């Protein structure tokens, strides 16, 4: 068996949501994604920059629906990667100012991550990768040795006070 071509990446994610306006209030208004297209109350497509869409939000099977119950299968979370620590700090600031509760914040050694839920209960991870040369490695040097340490949110927010 051969490995997948390393140029393959995740192009976009579609989320089933109950209400397009409520979802846009989170993905566009809080996190800052740009609305690329809207199809009434059935779908919206948002992206970072001018890409056709990184996230599709649709009510095709879920209009007015409730979040899936805990203990069921489905999406664990969608992870949004920020280019640097300052950008992640700005995302954290936006989330906190909007009054959205955090479910966790972790330093994984390879990355720093903040966990929360969108208005439909979908898990969302906001994170930034550390440079690969800083990733912790196991003794044999193969793979990574990820960690699960608390992330210092105040230190992260302090990034916004530093000059660019």
Protein backbone atom coordinates (compact mmCIF):
# COMPACT_ATOMS: atom_id res chain seq x y z
CA UNK A 1 0.00 0.00 0.00
CA UNK A 2 1.38 3.43 -0.94
CA UNK A 3 0.87 6.70 0.90
CA UNK A 4 -1.46 9.37 -0.41
CA UNK A 5 0.14 12.05 -2.57
CA UNK A 6 1.54 14.65 -0.10
CA UNK A 7 0.07 17.49 -2.17
CA UNK A 8 -3.46 16.40 -1.24
CA UNK A 9 -5.20 18.65 1.28
CA UNK A 10 -8.67 19.27 2.66
CA UNK A 11 -10.33 21.73 0.29
CA UNK A 12 -13.50 22.52 2.20
CA UNK A 13 -15.96 21.30 4.80
CA UNK A 14 -19.75 21.41 4.65
CA UNK A 15 -21.62 21.75 7.92
CA UNK A 16 -25.27 20.95 8.43
CA UNK A 17 -26.77 23.91 10.29
CA UNK A 18 -30.22 24.82 11.56
CA UNK A 19 -30.23 28.50 10.56
CA UNK A 20 -28.05 30.22 7.95
CA UNK A 21 -28.26 33.69 9.51
CA UNK A 22 -27.27 32.38 12.94
CA UNK A 23 -24.36 30.45 11.43
CA UNK A 24 -23.16 33.47 9.48
CA UNK A 25 -23.29 35.41 12.74
CA UNK A 26 -20.55 33.09 13.99
CA UNK A 27 -18.46 32.15 10.95
CA UNK A 28 -18.58 35.57 9.21
CA UNK A 29 -19.27 38.10 11.97
CA UNK A 30 -17.20 36.60 14.81
CA UNK A 31 -14.41 34.65 13.08
CA UNK A 32 -14.24 36.97 10.07
CA UNK A 33 -14.68 34.59 7.12
CA UNK A 34 -15.81 36.31 3.91
CA UNK A 35 -19.21 35.44 2.44
CA UNK A 36 -18.67 34.26 -1.14
CA UNK A 37 -22.20 33.17 -2.03
CA UNK A 38 -25.56 32.74 -0.37
CA UNK A 39 -28.47 30.64 -1.55
CA UNK A 40 -31.35 32.12 0.45
CA UNK A 41 -31.94 30.26 3.69
CA UNK A 42 -30.56 27.00 2.27
CA UNK A 43 -26.80 27.53 2.00
CA UNK A 44 -23.91 29.94 2.36
CA UNK A 45 -20.30 29.58 1.31
CA UNK A 46 -17.54 31.37 3.24
CA UNK A 47 -13.77 31.55 2.88
CA UNK A 48 -10.59 33.19 4.03
CA UNK A 49 -9.75 35.51 1.16
CA UNK A 50 -11.29 35.03 -2.23
CA UNK A 51 -11.29 31.22 -2.42
CA UNK A 52 -14.67 29.87 -3.60
CA UNK A 53 -15.29 28.35 -0.17
CA UNK A 54 -13.52 26.79 2.76
CA UNK A 55 -16.79 26.20 4.59
CA UNK A 56 -20.19 25.40 3.23
CA UNK A 57 -23.09 25.97 5.61
CA UNK A 58 -26.32 24.32 4.58
CA UNK A 59 -29.81 23.54 5.86
CA UNK A 60 -30.60 20.92 3.20
CA UNK A 61 -31.12 18.18 5.80
CA UNK A 62 -31.05 20.20 9.00
CA UNK A 63 -33.22 23.36 8.85
CA UNK A 64 -34.51 24.05 12.34
CA UNK A 65 -32.73 20.93 13.59
CA UNK A 66 -30.96 20.34 16.86
CA UNK A 67 -27.31 19.44 17.44
CA UNK A 68 -26.46 15.74 17.40
CA UNK A 69 -26.55 14.25 20.89
CA UNK A 70 -23.30 13.56 22.71
CA UNK A 71 -22.23 9.98 22.27
CA UNK A 72 -23.25 9.87 18.61
CA UNK A 73 -20.98 9.62 15.61
CA UNK A 74 -20.24 12.50 13.26
CA UNK A 75 -17.87 15.42 13.01
CA UNK A 76 -15.66 15.84 16.09
CA UNK A 77 -14.43 19.26 15.03
CA UNK A 78 -13.36 21.32 12.07
CA UNK A 79 -9.90 22.83 12.55
CA UNK A 80 -9.12 26.32 11.30
CA UNK A 81 -5.36 26.91 10.97
CA UNK A 82 -4.08 30.44 11.47
CA UNK A 83 -0.79 31.53 9.88
CA UNK A 84 0.85 32.78 13.08
CA UNK A 85 0.44 33.31 16.81
CA UNK A 86 -0.77 36.92 16.48
CA UNK A 87 -3.58 35.86 14.12
CA UNK A 88 -4.63 33.14 16.56
CA UNK A 89 -4.60 35.70 19.37
CA UNK A 90 -6.89 37.95 17.33
CA UNK A 91 -9.30 35.03 16.77
CA UNK A 92 -9.33 34.36 20.52
CA UNK A 93 -10.07 38.03 21.19
CA UNK A 94 -13.00 37.98 18.75
CA UNK A 95 -14.44 34.82 20.31
CA UNK A 96 -14.14 36.17 23.86
CA UNK A 97 -15.63 39.55 22.90
CA UNK A 98 -18.60 37.73 21.34
CA UNK A 99 -19.17 35.90 24.64
CA UNK A 100 -18.63 32.46 23.12
CA UNK A 101 -17.50 29.97 25.77
CA UNK A 102 -14.31 28.03 25.29
CA UNK A 103 -14.30 24.27 25.81
CA UNK A 104 -10.55 24.04 26.11
CA UNK A 105 -7.16 25.40 25.14
CA UNK A 106 -4.11 23.18 24.66
CA UNK A 107 -0.46 23.36 23.78
CA UNK A 108 0.20 20.22 21.73
CA UNK A 109 3.90 20.90 21.21
CA UNK A 110 3.37 20.95 17.44
CA UNK A 111 0.56 23.48 17.72
CA UNK A 112 -1.44 25.74 20.01
CA UNK A 113 -5.20 25.19 19.93
CA UNK A 114 -8.42 26.70 21.24
CA UNK A 115 -11.62 24.62 21.28
CA UNK A 116 -15.21 25.85 21.14
CA UNK A 117 -18.56 25.11 19.47
CA UNK A 118 -20.41 26.93 16.72
CA UNK A 119 -24.11 27.81 17.23
CA UNK A 120 -25.13 24.36 15.95
CA UNK A 121 -22.91 22.48 18.37
CA UNK A 122 -20.23 21.61 15.81
CA UNK A 123 -16.79 21.37 17.35
CA UNK A 124 -14.36 24.07 16.20
CA UNK A 125 -10.61 24.13 16.75
CA UNK A 126 -8.76 27.39 16.14
CA UNK A 127 -5.02 26.72 16.01
CA UNK A 128 -1.60 27.63 14.73
CA UNK A 129 1.25 25.26 13.95
CA UNK A 130 4.69 25.83 15.36
CA UNK A 131 7.52 25.71 12.82
CA UNK A 132 8.29 22.07 12.04
CA UNK A 133 11.83 22.34 13.40
CA UNK A 134 10.30 23.07 16.85
CA UNK A 135 8.03 20.01 16.90
CA UNK A 136 8.77 17.56 19.71
CA UNK A 137 10.07 14.22 18.43
CA UNK A 138 10.20 10.79 20.04
CA UNK A 139 13.62 9.37 20.97
CA UNK A 140 13.90 7.49 17.66
CA UNK A 141 13.21 10.72 15.72
CA UNK A 142 10.30 9.15 13.81
CA UNK A 143 6.98 11.01 13.73
CA UNK A 144 6.02 13.53 16.40
CA UNK A 145 5.60 13.41 20.18
CA UNK A 146 2.54 15.62 20.64
CA UNK A 147 1.76 16.90 24.11
CA UNK A 148 -1.39 17.91 25.95
CA UNK A 149 -0.44 20.89 28.10
CA UNK A 150 -2.65 23.84 29.06
CA UNK A 151 -2.37 26.83 26.72
CA UNK A 152 -1.69 30.15 28.46
CA UNK A 153 -4.48 32.28 27.02
CA UNK A 154 -3.30 35.50 28.68
CA UNK A 155 0.15 35.08 27.12
CA UNK A 156 -1.51 34.43 23.78
CA UNK A 157 -3.64 37.59 24.06
CA UNK A 158 -0.50 39.56 25.01
CA UNK A 159 0.66 38.96 21.40
CA UNK A 160 -1.83 41.68 20.41
CA UNK A 161 0.02 44.20 22.60
CA UNK A 162 3.33 43.59 20.84
CA UNK A 163 4.23 45.82 17.88
CA UNK A 164 3.95 44.10 14.51
